[in-house]
């Protein structure tokens, strides 16, 4: 996971897995990113291959923390497989998923 910042937003690159084995470390880094920045917190999920219920919980928890800090969590580059998981769980209605066209620009 890499954190990049700019005046308008922070971009956090998530690796290939967001599951029970990786969630503790990623959760703490995302919370630090939320607490230390301003503007949108953009999670780049373009490399994400696998997510489980624990990983989904990390996304929801980060969303809540960001909202509490007057920030917005944005998911960028969501692979189709992960998008299907978000749709089945209806988290695509809760979490802001950036349109693919906007991610290219």
PDB file of N, CA and C in Angstrom:
ATOM      1  N   UNK A   1       0.846  -1.177   0.000  1.00  0.00           N
ATOM      2  CA  UNK A   1       0.000   0.000   0.000  1.00  0.00           C
ATOM      3  C   UNK A   1       0.886   1.234   0.000  1.00  0.00           C
ATOM      4  N   UNK A   2       0.612   2.168  -0.900  1.00  0.00           N
ATOM      5  CA  UNK A   2       1.341   3.435  -0.956  1.00  0.00           C
ATOM      6  C   UNK A   2       0.361   4.570  -0.730  1.00  0.00           C
ATOM      7  N   UNK A   3       0.821   5.597  -0.039  1.00  0.00           N
ATOM      8  CA  UNK A   3      -0.004   6.789   0.174  1.00  0.00           C
ATOM      9  C   UNK A   3       0.650   7.939  -0.562  1.00  0.00           C
ATOM     10  N   UNK A   4      -0.119   8.576  -1.430  1.00  0.00           N
ATOM     11  CA  UNK A   4       0.357   9.765  -2.132  1.00  0.00           C
ATOM     12  C   UNK A   4      -0.600  10.892  -1.789  1.00  0.00           C
ATOM     13  N   UNK A   5      -0.078  12.086  -1.602  1.00  0.00           N
ATOM     14  CA  UNK A   5      -0.935  13.204  -1.253  1.00  0.00           C
ATOM     15  C   UNK A   5      -0.813  14.347  -2.233  1.00  0.00           C
ATOM     16  N   UNK A   6      -1.867  15.112  -2.323  1.00  0.00           N
ATOM     17  CA  UNK A   6      -1.851  16.375  -3.045  1.00  0.00           C
ATOM     18  C   UNK A   6      -2.806  17.296  -2.317  1.00  0.00           C
ATOM     19  N   UNK A   7      -2.845  18.575  -2.642  1.00  0.00           N
ATOM     20  CA  UNK A   7      -3.688  19.500  -1.881  1.00  0.00           C
ATOM     21  C   UNK A   7      -5.174  19.156  -1.886  1.00  0.00           C
ATOM     22  N   UNK A   8      -5.661  18.491  -2.930  1.00  0.00           N
ATOM     23  CA  UNK A   8      -7.090  18.230  -3.036  1.00  0.00           C
ATOM     24  C   UNK A   8      -7.492  16.852  -2.521  1.00  0.00           C
ATOM     25  N   UNK A   9      -6.589  15.900  -2.519  1.00  0.00           N
ATOM     26  CA  UNK A   9      -6.942  14.539  -2.143  1.00  0.00           C
ATOM     27  C   UNK A   9      -5.698  13.726  -1.820  1.00  0.00           C
ATOM     28  N   UNK A  10      -5.920  12.601  -1.162  1.00  0.00           N
ATOM     29  CA  UNK A  10      -4.878  11.616  -0.948  1.00  0.00           C
ATOM     30  C   UNK A  10      -5.254  10.397  -1.767  1.00  0.00           C
ATOM     31  N   UNK A  11      -4.263   9.757  -2.356  1.00  0.00           N
ATOM     32  CA  UNK A  11      -4.489   8.520  -3.103  1.00  0.00           C
ATOM     33  C   UNK A  11      -3.728   7.415  -2.390  1.00  0.00           C
ATOM     34  N   UNK A  12      -4.436   6.335  -2.065  1.00  0.00           N
ATOM     35  CA  UNK A  12      -3.831   5.184  -1.411  1.00  0.00           C
ATOM     36  C   UNK A  12      -3.965   3.999  -2.355  1.00  0.00           C
ATOM     37  N   UNK A  13      -2.842   3.400  -2.707  1.00  0.00           N
ATOM     38  CA  UNK A  13      -2.818   2.228  -3.578  1.00  0.00           C
ATOM     39  C   UNK A  13      -2.952   0.990  -2.702  1.00  0.00           C
ATOM     40  N   UNK A  14      -3.962   0.163  -2.977  1.00  0.00           N
ATOM     41  CA  UNK A  14      -4.171  -1.084  -2.249  1.00  0.00           C
ATOM     42  C   UNK A  14      -3.574  -2.214  -3.080  1.00  0.00           C
ATOM     43  N   UNK A  15      -2.946  -3.170  -2.416  1.00  0.00           N
ATOM     44  CA  UNK A  15      -2.307  -4.286  -3.109  1.00  0.00           C
ATOM     45  C   UNK A  15      -3.298  -5.313  -3.615  1.00  0.00           C
ATOM     46  N   UNK A  16      -2.834  -6.537  -3.825  1.00  0.00           N
ATOM     47  CA  UNK A  16      -3.633  -7.583  -4.457  1.00  0.00           C
ATOM     48  C   UNK A  16      -4.676  -8.197  -3.529  1.00  0.00           C
ATOM     49  N   UNK A  17      -4.467  -8.117  -2.223  1.00  0.00           N
ATOM     50  CA  UNK A  17      -5.393  -8.763  -1.291  1.00  0.00           C
ATOM     51  C   UNK A  17      -5.845  -7.799  -0.207  1.00  0.00           C
ATOM     52  N   UNK A  18      -7.129  -7.878   0.102  1.00  0.00           N
ATOM     53  CA  UNK A  18      -7.705  -7.163   1.247  1.00  0.00           C
ATOM     54  C   UNK A  18      -8.591  -8.186   1.939  1.00  0.00           C
ATOM     55  N   UNK A  19      -7.975  -8.932   2.865  1.00  0.00           N
ATOM     56  CA  UNK A  19      -8.667 -10.041   3.511  1.00  0.00           C
ATOM     57  C   UNK A  19      -8.240 -10.125   4.970  1.00  0.00           C
ATOM     58  N   UNK A  20      -8.651 -11.207   5.634  1.00  0.00           N
ATOM     59  CA  UNK A  20      -8.357 -11.363   7.054  1.00  0.00           C
ATOM     60  C   UNK A  20      -6.862 -11.306   7.348  1.00  0.00           C
ATOM     61  N   UNK A  21      -6.049 -11.761   6.428  1.00  0.00           N
ATOM     62  CA  UNK A  21      -4.606 -11.762   6.643  1.00  0.00           C
ATOM     63  C   UNK A  21      -3.940 -10.403   6.500  1.00  0.00           C
ATOM     64  N   UNK A  22      -4.552  -9.510   5.758  1.00  0.00           N
ATOM     65  CA  UNK A  22      -3.929  -8.202   5.494  1.00  0.00           C
ATOM     66  C   UNK A  22      -4.694  -7.035   6.109  1.00  0.00           C
ATOM     67  N   UNK A  23      -5.900  -7.284   6.584  1.00  0.00           N
ATOM     68  CA  UNK A  23      -6.782  -6.169   6.964  1.00  0.00           C
ATOM     69  C   UNK A  23      -6.282  -5.354   8.152  1.00  0.00           C
ATOM     70  N   UNK A  24      -5.661  -5.984   9.136  1.00  0.00           N
ATOM     71  CA  UNK A  24      -5.226  -5.237  10.326  1.00  0.00           C
ATOM     72  C   UNK A  24      -4.230  -4.136   9.961  1.00  0.00           C
ATOM     73  N   UNK A  25      -3.228  -4.489   9.165  1.00  0.00           N
ATOM     74  CA  UNK A  25      -2.233  -3.497   8.763  1.00  0.00           C
ATOM     75  C   UNK A  25      -2.803  -2.430   7.859  1.00  0.00           C
ATOM     76  N   UNK A  26      -3.637  -2.840   6.925  1.00  0.00           N
ATOM     77  CA  UNK A  26      -4.240  -1.878   5.998  1.00  0.00           C
ATOM     78  C   UNK A  26      -5.193  -0.947   6.736  1.00  0.00           C
ATOM     79  N   UNK A  27      -5.983  -1.501   7.670  1.00  0.00           N
ATOM     80  CA  UNK A  27      -6.925  -0.682   8.441  1.00  0.00           C
ATOM     81  C   UNK A  27      -6.203   0.443   9.171  1.00  0.00           C
ATOM     82  N   UNK A  28      -5.114   0.113   9.855  1.00  0.00           N
ATOM     83  CA  UNK A  28      -4.409   1.150  10.619  1.00  0.00           C
ATOM     84  C   UNK A  28      -3.803   2.205   9.697  1.00  0.00           C
ATOM     85  N   UNK A  29      -3.295   1.789   8.542  1.00  0.00           N
ATOM     86  CA  UNK A  29      -2.723   2.763   7.593  1.00  0.00           C
ATOM     87  C   UNK A  29      -3.805   3.655   6.999  1.00  0.00           C
ATOM     88  N   UNK A  30      -4.970   3.076   6.712  1.00  0.00           N
ATOM     89  CA  UNK A  30      -6.072   3.890   6.179  1.00  0.00           C
ATOM     90  C   UNK A  30      -6.586   4.875   7.225  1.00  0.00           C
ATOM     91  N   UNK A  31      -6.671   4.440   8.471  1.00  0.00           N
ATOM     92  CA  UNK A  31      -7.106   5.355   9.525  1.00  0.00           C
ATOM     93  C   UNK A  31      -6.111   6.496   9.696  1.00  0.00           C
ATOM     94  N   UNK A  32      -4.822   6.174   9.625  1.00  0.00           N
ATOM     95  CA  UNK A  32      -3.805   7.235   9.690  1.00  0.00           C
ATOM     96  C   UNK A  32      -3.960   8.204   8.522  1.00  0.00           C
ATOM     97  N   UNK A  33      -4.240   7.680   7.327  1.00  0.00           N
ATOM     98  CA  UNK A  33      -4.421   8.535   6.148  1.00  0.00           C
ATOM     99  C   UNK A  33      -5.636   9.436   6.317  1.00  0.00           C
ATOM    100  N   UNK A  34      -6.725   8.886   6.842  1.00  0.00           N
ATOM    101  CA  UNK A  34      -7.935   9.698   7.068  1.00  0.00           C
ATOM    102  C   UNK A  34      -7.644  10.809   8.064  1.00  0.00           C
ATOM    103  N   UNK A  35      -6.970  10.463   9.152  1.00  0.00           N
ATOM    104  CA  UNK A  35      -6.722  11.426  10.227  1.00  0.00           C
ATOM    105  C   UNK A  35      -5.701  12.493   9.863  1.00  0.00           C
ATOM    106  N   UNK A  36      -4.810  12.194   8.913  1.00  0.00           N
ATOM    107  CA  UNK A  36      -3.716  13.121   8.633  1.00  0.00           C
ATOM    108  C   UNK A  36      -3.925  13.975   7.388  1.00  0.00           C
ATOM    109  N   UNK A  37      -5.005  13.782   6.671  1.00  0.00           N
ATOM    110  CA  UNK A  37      -5.166  14.510   5.419  1.00  0.00           C
ATOM    111  C   UNK A  37      -6.433  15.322   5.343  1.00  0.00           C
ATOM    112  N   UNK A  38      -6.625  15.914   4.176  1.00  0.00           N
ATOM    113  CA  UNK A  38      -7.818  16.710   3.891  1.00  0.00           C
ATOM    114  C   UNK A  38      -8.327  16.325   2.515  1.00  0.00           C
ATOM    115  N   UNK A  39      -9.565  16.649   2.250  1.00  0.00           N
ATOM    116  CA  UNK A  39     -10.149  16.353   0.947  1.00  0.00           C
ATOM    117  C   UNK A  39     -10.490  14.884   0.819  1.00  0.00           C
ATOM    118  N   UNK A  40     -10.691  14.457  -0.411  1.00  0.00           N
ATOM    119  CA  UNK A  40     -11.065  13.070  -0.675  1.00  0.00           C
ATOM    120  C   UNK A  40      -9.923  12.123  -0.330  1.00  0.00           C
ATOM    121  N   UNK A  41     -10.287  10.949   0.159  1.00  0.00           N
ATOM    122  CA  UNK A  41      -9.344   9.854   0.321  1.00  0.00           C
ATOM    123  C   UNK A  41      -9.694   8.856  -0.771  1.00  0.00           C
ATOM    124  N   UNK A  42      -8.825   8.730  -1.749  1.00  0.00           N
ATOM    125  CA  UNK A  42      -9.073   7.880  -2.916  1.00  0.00           C
ATOM    126  C   UNK A  42      -8.317   6.577  -2.730  1.00  0.00           C
ATOM    127  N   UNK A  43      -9.058   5.457  -2.752  1.00  0.00           N
ATOM    128  CA  UNK A  43      -8.436   4.145  -2.695  1.00  0.00           C
ATOM    129  C   UNK A  43      -8.349   3.605  -4.106  1.00  0.00           C
ATOM    130  N   UNK A  44      -7.133   3.414  -4.577  1.00  0.00           N
ATOM    131  CA  UNK A  44      -6.912   2.846  -5.905  1.00  0.00           C
ATOM    132  C   UNK A  44      -6.914   1.331  -5.754  1.00  0.00           C
ATOM    133  N   UNK A  45      -7.972   0.694  -6.254  1.00  0.00           N
ATOM    134  CA  UNK A  45      -8.146  -0.748  -6.126  1.00  0.00           C
ATOM    135  C   UNK A  45      -7.770  -1.493  -7.408  1.00  0.00           C
ATOM    136  N   UNK A  46      -7.097  -0.841  -8.321  1.00  0.00           N
ATOM    137  CA  UNK A  46      -6.818  -1.438  -9.635  1.00  0.00           C
ATOM    138  C   UNK A  46      -5.998  -2.725  -9.551  1.00  0.00           C
ATOM    139  N   UNK A  47      -5.218  -2.919  -8.489  1.00  0.00           N
ATOM    140  CA  UNK A  47      -4.420  -4.134  -8.331  1.00  0.00           C
ATOM    141  C   UNK A  47      -5.115  -5.177  -7.457  1.00  0.00           C
ATOM    142  N   UNK A  48      -6.275  -4.845  -6.902  1.00  0.00           N
ATOM    143  CA  UNK A  48      -6.964  -5.743  -5.976  1.00  0.00           C
ATOM    144  C   UNK A  48      -7.525  -6.955  -6.716  1.00  0.00           C
ATOM    145  N   UNK A  49      -7.142  -8.132  -6.251  1.00  0.00           N
ATOM    146  CA  UNK A  49      -7.603  -9.377  -6.854  1.00  0.00           C
ATOM    147  C   UNK A  49      -8.574 -10.128  -5.956  1.00  0.00           C
ATOM    148  N   UNK A  50      -8.450  -9.947  -4.624  1.00  0.00           N
ATOM    149  CA  UNK A  50      -9.256 -10.707  -3.689  1.00  0.00           C
ATOM    150  C   UNK A  50      -9.672  -9.852  -2.516  1.00  0.00           C
ATOM    151  N   UNK A  51     -10.957  -9.943  -2.155  1.00  0.00           N
ATOM    152  CA  UNK A  51     -11.473  -9.264  -0.978  1.00  0.00           C
ATOM    153  C   UNK A  51     -12.444 -10.210  -0.293  1.00  0.00           C
ATOM    154  N   UNK A  52     -12.426 -10.224   1.037  1.00  0.00           N
ATOM    155  CA  UNK A  52     -13.379 -11.044   1.785  1.00  0.00           C
ATOM    156  C   UNK A  52     -14.192 -10.133   2.700  1.00  0.00           C
ATOM    157  N   UNK A  53     -14.994 -10.745   3.568  1.00  0.00           N
ATOM    158  CA  UNK A  53     -15.869  -9.966   4.447  1.00  0.00           C
ATOM    159  C   UNK A  53     -15.071  -9.030   5.355  1.00  0.00           C
ATOM    160  N   UNK A  54     -13.907  -9.470   5.801  1.00  0.00           N
ATOM    161  CA  UNK A  54     -13.064  -8.615   6.635  1.00  0.00           C
ATOM    162  C   UNK A  54     -12.602  -7.396   5.853  1.00  0.00           C
ATOM    163  N   UNK A  55     -12.212  -7.600   4.604  1.00  0.00           N
ATOM    164  CA  UNK A  55     -11.798  -6.489   3.747  1.00  0.00           C
ATOM    165  C   UNK A  55     -12.936  -5.520   3.482  1.00  0.00           C
ATOM    166  N   UNK A  56     -14.127  -6.054   3.266  1.00  0.00           N
ATOM    167  CA  UNK A  56     -15.291  -5.183   3.080  1.00  0.00           C
ATOM    168  C   UNK A  56     -15.531  -4.359   4.340  1.00  0.00           C
ATOM    169  N   UNK A  57     -15.322  -4.981   5.501  1.00  0.00           N
ATOM    170  CA  UNK A  57     -15.455  -4.254   6.761  1.00  0.00           C
ATOM    171  C   UNK A  57     -14.450  -3.124   6.881  1.00  0.00           C
ATOM    172  N   UNK A  58     -13.246  -3.337   6.367  1.00  0.00           N
ATOM    173  CA  UNK A  58     -12.230  -2.275   6.369  1.00  0.00           C
ATOM    174  C   UNK A  58     -12.711  -1.096   5.524  1.00  0.00           C
ATOM    175  N   UNK A  59     -13.283  -1.386   4.350  1.00  0.00           N
ATOM    176  CA  UNK A  59     -13.789  -0.315   3.486  1.00  0.00           C
ATOM    177  C   UNK A  59     -14.919   0.456   4.169  1.00  0.00           C
ATOM    178  N   UNK A  60     -15.855  -0.264   4.781  1.00  0.00           N
ATOM    179  CA  UNK A  60     -16.981   0.393   5.450  1.00  0.00           C
ATOM    180  C   UNK A  60     -16.488   1.212   6.644  1.00  0.00           C
ATOM    181  N   UNK A  61     -15.582   0.648   7.429  1.00  0.00           N
ATOM    182  CA  UNK A  61     -15.040   1.377   8.579  1.00  0.00           C
ATOM    183  C   UNK A  61     -14.285   2.629   8.169  1.00  0.00           C
ATOM    184  N   UNK A  62     -13.527   2.535   7.091  1.00  0.00           N
ATOM    185  CA  UNK A  62     -12.791   3.698   6.589  1.00  0.00           C
ATOM    186  C   UNK A  62     -13.760   4.749   6.066  1.00  0.00           C
ATOM    187  N   UNK A  63     -14.815   4.302   5.403  1.00  0.00           N
ATOM    188  CA  UNK A  63     -15.859   5.220   4.923  1.00  0.00           C
ATOM    189  C   UNK A  63     -16.473   5.985   6.095  1.00  0.00           C
ATOM    190  N   UNK A  64     -16.817   5.281   7.156  1.00  0.00           N
ATOM    191  CA  UNK A  64     -17.416   5.930   8.336  1.00  0.00           C
ATOM    192  C   UNK A  64     -16.443   6.913   8.987  1.00  0.00           C
ATOM    193  N   UNK A  65     -15.194   6.501   9.113  1.00  0.00           N
ATOM    194  CA  UNK A  65     -14.196   7.385   9.721  1.00  0.00           C
ATOM    195  C   UNK A  65     -13.997   8.642   8.875  1.00  0.00           C
ATOM    196  N   UNK A  66     -13.941   8.462   7.551  1.00  0.00           N
ATOM    197  CA  UNK A  66     -13.770   9.606   6.649  1.00  0.00           C
ATOM    198  C   UNK A  66     -14.977  10.537   6.743  1.00  0.00           C
ATOM    199  N   UNK A  67     -16.170   9.977   6.754  1.00  0.00           N
ATOM    200  CA  UNK A  67     -17.389  10.797   6.853  1.00  0.00           C
ATOM    201  C   UNK A  67     -17.414  11.584   8.149  1.00  0.00           C
ATOM    202  N   UNK A  68     -16.983  10.955   9.225  1.00  0.00           N
ATOM    203  CA  UNK A  68     -16.924  11.645  10.512  1.00  0.00           C
ATOM    204  C   UNK A  68     -15.943  12.799  10.523  1.00  0.00           C
ATOM    205  N   UNK A  69     -14.936  12.721   9.672  1.00  0.00           N
ATOM    206  CA  UNK A  69     -13.941  13.783   9.561  1.00  0.00           C
ATOM    207  C   UNK A  69     -14.221  14.738   8.412  1.00  0.00           C
ATOM    208  N   UNK A  70     -15.458  14.736   7.921  1.00  0.00           N
ATOM    209  CA  UNK A  70     -15.871  15.611   6.817  1.00  0.00           C
ATOM    210  C   UNK A  70     -15.060  15.355   5.555  1.00  0.00           C
ATOM    211  N   UNK A  71     -14.717  14.079   5.337  1.00  0.00           N
ATOM    212  CA  UNK A  71     -13.997  13.675   4.132  1.00  0.00           C
ATOM    213  C   UNK A  71     -14.845  12.665   3.381  1.00  0.00           C
ATOM    214  N   UNK A  72     -14.427  12.365   2.171  1.00  0.00           N
ATOM    215  CA  UNK A  72     -15.147  11.400   1.348  1.00  0.00           C
ATOM    216  C   UNK A  72     -14.189  10.300   0.919  1.00  0.00           C
ATOM    217  N   UNK A  73     -14.620   9.052   1.070  1.00  0.00           N
ATOM    218  CA  UNK A  73     -13.860   7.909   0.588  1.00  0.00           C
ATOM    219  C   UNK A  73     -14.323   7.621  -0.831  1.00  0.00           C
ATOM    220  N   UNK A  74     -13.366   7.517  -1.753  1.00  0.00           N
ATOM    221  CA  UNK A  74     -13.667   7.262  -3.159  1.00  0.00           C
ATOM    222  C   UNK A  74     -12.892   6.020  -3.586  1.00  0.00           C
ATOM    223  N   UNK A  75     -13.593   5.060  -4.212  1.00  0.00           N
ATOM    224  CA  UNK A  75     -12.948   3.866  -4.738  1.00  0.00           C
ATOM    225  C   UNK A  75     -12.650   4.089  -6.216  1.00  0.00           C
ATOM    226  N   UNK A  76     -11.402   3.919  -6.598  1.00  0.00           N
ATOM    227  CA  UNK A  76     -10.969   4.163  -7.983  1.00  0.00           C
ATOM    228  C   UNK A  76     -10.418   2.860  -8.577  1.00  0.00           C
ATOM    229  N   UNK A  77     -10.667   2.667  -9.860  1.00  0.00           N
ATOM    230  CA  UNK A  77     -10.093   1.532 -10.571  1.00  0.00           C
ATOM    231  C   UNK A  77     -10.581   0.187 -10.058  1.00  0.00           C
ATOM    232  N   UNK A  78     -11.853   0.096  -9.718  1.00  0.00           N
ATOM    233  CA  UNK A  78     -12.393  -1.134  -9.149  1.00  0.00           C
ATOM    234  C   UNK A  78     -12.500  -2.201 -10.248  1.00  0.00           C
ATOM    235  N   UNK A  79     -11.797  -3.330 -10.085  1.00  0.00           N
ATOM    236  CA  UNK A  79     -11.880  -4.403 -11.083  1.00  0.00           C
ATOM    237  C   UNK A  79     -13.302  -4.982 -11.134  1.00  0.00           C
ATOM    238  N   UNK A  80     -13.709  -5.517 -12.287  1.00  0.00           N
ATOM    239  CA  UNK A  80     -15.069  -6.058 -12.425  1.00  0.00           C
ATOM    240  C   UNK A  80     -15.436  -7.100 -11.367  1.00  0.00           C
ATOM    241  N   UNK A  81     -14.514  -7.979 -11.037  1.00  0.00           N
ATOM    242  CA  UNK A  81     -14.792  -9.008 -10.023  1.00  0.00           C
ATOM    243  C   UNK A  81     -15.115  -8.371  -8.672  1.00  0.00           C
ATOM    244  N   UNK A  82     -14.355  -7.359  -8.302  1.00  0.00           N
ATOM    245  CA  UNK A  82     -14.581  -6.672  -7.025  1.00  0.00           C
ATOM    246  C   UNK A  82     -15.870  -5.860  -7.094  1.00  0.00           C
ATOM    247  N   UNK A  83     -16.154  -5.275  -8.241  1.00  0.00           N
ATOM    248  CA  UNK A  83     -17.393  -4.509  -8.411  1.00  0.00           C
ATOM    249  C   UNK A  83     -18.603  -5.418  -8.227  1.00  0.00           C
ATOM    250  N   UNK A  84     -18.517  -6.659  -8.693  1.00  0.00           N
ATOM    251  CA  UNK A  84     -19.617  -7.608  -8.503  1.00  0.00           C
ATOM    252  C   UNK A  84     -19.839  -7.885  -7.019  1.00  0.00           C
ATOM    253  N   UNK A  85     -18.756  -8.017  -6.248  1.00  0.00           N
ATOM    254  CA  UNK A  85     -18.876  -8.232  -4.804  1.00  0.00           C
ATOM    255  C   UNK A  85     -19.552  -7.028  -4.158  1.00  0.00           C
ATOM    256  N   UNK A  86     -19.150  -5.826  -4.556  1.00  0.00           N
ATOM    257  CA  UNK A  86     -19.769  -4.614  -4.012  1.00  0.00           C
ATOM    258  C   UNK A  86     -21.252  -4.553  -4.371  1.00  0.00           C
ATOM    259  N   UNK A  87     -21.605  -4.973  -5.581  1.00  0.00           N
ATOM    260  CA  UNK A  87     -23.007  -4.945  -6.011  1.00  0.00           C
ATOM    261  C   UNK A  87     -23.837  -5.977  -5.255  1.00  0.00           C
ATOM    262  N   UNK A  88     -23.314  -7.183  -5.098  1.00  0.00           N
ATOM    263  CA  UNK A  88     -24.048  -8.244  -4.397  1.00  0.00           C
ATOM    264  C   UNK A  88     -24.301  -7.853  -2.944  1.00  0.00           C
ATOM    265  N   UNK A  89     -23.323  -7.219  -2.317  1.00  0.00           N
ATOM    266  CA  UNK A  89     -23.461  -6.794  -0.923  1.00  0.00           C
ATOM    267  C   UNK A  89     -24.153  -5.436  -0.790  1.00  0.00           C
ATOM    268  N   UNK A  90     -24.454  -4.826  -1.932  1.00  0.00           N
ATOM    269  CA  UNK A  90     -25.067  -3.499  -2.014  1.00  0.00           C
ATOM    270  C   UNK A  90     -24.203  -2.383  -1.433  1.00  0.00           C
ATOM    271  N   UNK A  91     -22.928  -2.658  -1.265  1.00  0.00           N
ATOM    272  CA  UNK A  91     -22.024  -1.613  -0.799  1.00  0.00           C
ATOM    273  C   UNK A  91     -21.763  -0.576  -1.874  1.00  0.00           C
ATOM    274  N   UNK A  92     -22.047  -0.917  -3.134  1.00  0.00           N
ATOM    275  CA  UNK A  92     -21.903   0.072  -4.200  1.00  0.00           C
ATOM    276  C   UNK A  92     -22.907   1.212  -4.024  1.00  0.00           C
ATOM    277  N   UNK A  93     -23.921   1.010  -3.181  1.00  0.00           N
ATOM    278  CA  UNK A  93     -24.891   2.073  -2.884  1.00  0.00           C
ATOM    279  C   UNK A  93     -24.449   2.947  -1.717  1.00  0.00           C
ATOM    280  N   UNK A  94     -23.494   2.446  -0.944  1.00  0.00           N
ATOM    281  CA  UNK A  94     -23.000   3.160   0.239  1.00  0.00           C
ATOM    282  C   UNK A  94     -21.667   3.844  -0.046  1.00  0.00           C
ATOM    283  N   UNK A  95     -20.777   3.110  -0.688  1.00  0.00           N
ATOM    284  CA  UNK A  95     -19.437   3.619  -0.983  1.00  0.00           C
ATOM    285  C   UNK A  95     -19.441   4.322  -2.335  1.00  0.00           C
ATOM    286  N   UNK A  96     -18.674   5.390  -2.439  1.00  0.00           N
ATOM    287  CA  UNK A  96     -18.590   6.133  -3.700  1.00  0.00           C
ATOM    288  C   UNK A  96     -17.568   5.449  -4.606  1.00  0.00           C
ATOM    289  N   UNK A  97     -18.045   4.927  -5.736  1.00  0.00           N
ATOM    290  CA  UNK A  97     -17.176   4.281  -6.718  1.00  0.00           C
ATOM    291  C   UNK A  97     -17.011   5.241  -7.888  1.00  0.00           C
ATOM    292  N   UNK A  98     -15.765   5.605  -8.154  1.00  0.00           N
ATOM    293  CA  UNK A  98     -15.470   6.529  -9.242  1.00  0.00           C
ATOM    294  C   UNK A  98     -15.769   5.859 -10.585  1.00  0.00           C
ATOM    295  N   UNK A  99     -16.395   6.598 -11.481  1.00  0.00           N
ATOM    296  CA  UNK A  99     -16.685   6.083 -12.816  1.00  0.00           C
ATOM    297  C   UNK A  99     -15.385   5.804 -13.546  1.00  0.00           C
ATOM    298  N   UNK A 100     -15.361   4.737 -14.325  1.00  0.00           N
ATOM    299  CA  UNK A 100     -14.150   4.357 -15.038  1.00  0.00           C
ATOM    300  C   UNK A 100     -13.657   5.452 -15.977  1.00  0.00           C
ATOM    301  N   UNK A 101     -14.574   6.184 -16.606  1.00  0.00           N
ATOM    302  CA  UNK A 101     -14.187   7.273 -17.518  1.00  0.00           C
ATOM    303  C   UNK A 101     -13.413   8.340 -16.767  1.00  0.00           C
ATOM    304  N   UNK A 102     -13.858   8.645 -15.534  1.00  0.00           N
ATOM    305  CA  UNK A 102     -13.183   9.680 -14.741  1.00  0.00           C
ATOM    306  C   UNK A 102     -11.796   9.213 -14.307  1.00  0.00           C
ATOM    307  N   UNK A 103     -11.646   7.906 -14.062  1.00  0.00           N
ATOM    308  CA  UNK A 103     -10.357   7.384 -13.627  1.00  0.00           C
ATOM    309  C   UNK A 103      -9.314   7.481 -14.731  1.00  0.00           C
ATOM    310  N   UNK A 104      -9.739   7.431 -15.978  1.00  0.00           N
ATOM    311  CA  UNK A 104      -8.802   7.505 -17.101  1.00  0.00           C
ATOM    312  C   UNK A 104      -8.309   8.915 -17.296  1.00  0.00           C
ATOM    313  N   UNK A 105      -9.169   9.893 -17.057  1.00  0.00           N
ATOM    314  CA  UNK A 105      -8.817  11.302 -17.296  1.00  0.00           C
ATOM    315  C   UNK A 105      -7.796  11.828 -16.322  1.00  0.00           C
TER     316      UNK A 105
END
